[in-house]
């Protein structure tokens, strides 16, 4: 399934009014933390929780320049920069959501890996 040892696959999503722009900006910011090998198209999926607006998502295959903990921390800072708060998810408003799903060829988030919105983008890369 994965092309080389360093494969890391990330899912980026947003469901606020400017979601297409926010996902694009997050993808650009990601380039400072990793080498992007490829990414899916931007695509829309319903909010699977049933409480929020539809999401725009993109799935990214990359090679991070940071270790896992630092990379995860930087991604969380990026989410916060775009307005994500602890209350966001429970209210159905997600300015930016970034999940590391596969790290160095190993699924590290089986829940996200199984979700239809992630699988849709994964099929493209």
Foldseek 3Di string as FASTA:
>chain_A
DDDDQQKWKKKKKFQDPCTVVLSVVLVVVVVVFWAWPDKFDWDWDQDPVPQAGIMTMMMTITGGPDDDVVSVVVSVVSQVVQPDDPCCVVNRGRSMDMDTQAGSNRGPDVVLVPDPVNVVTVVRD
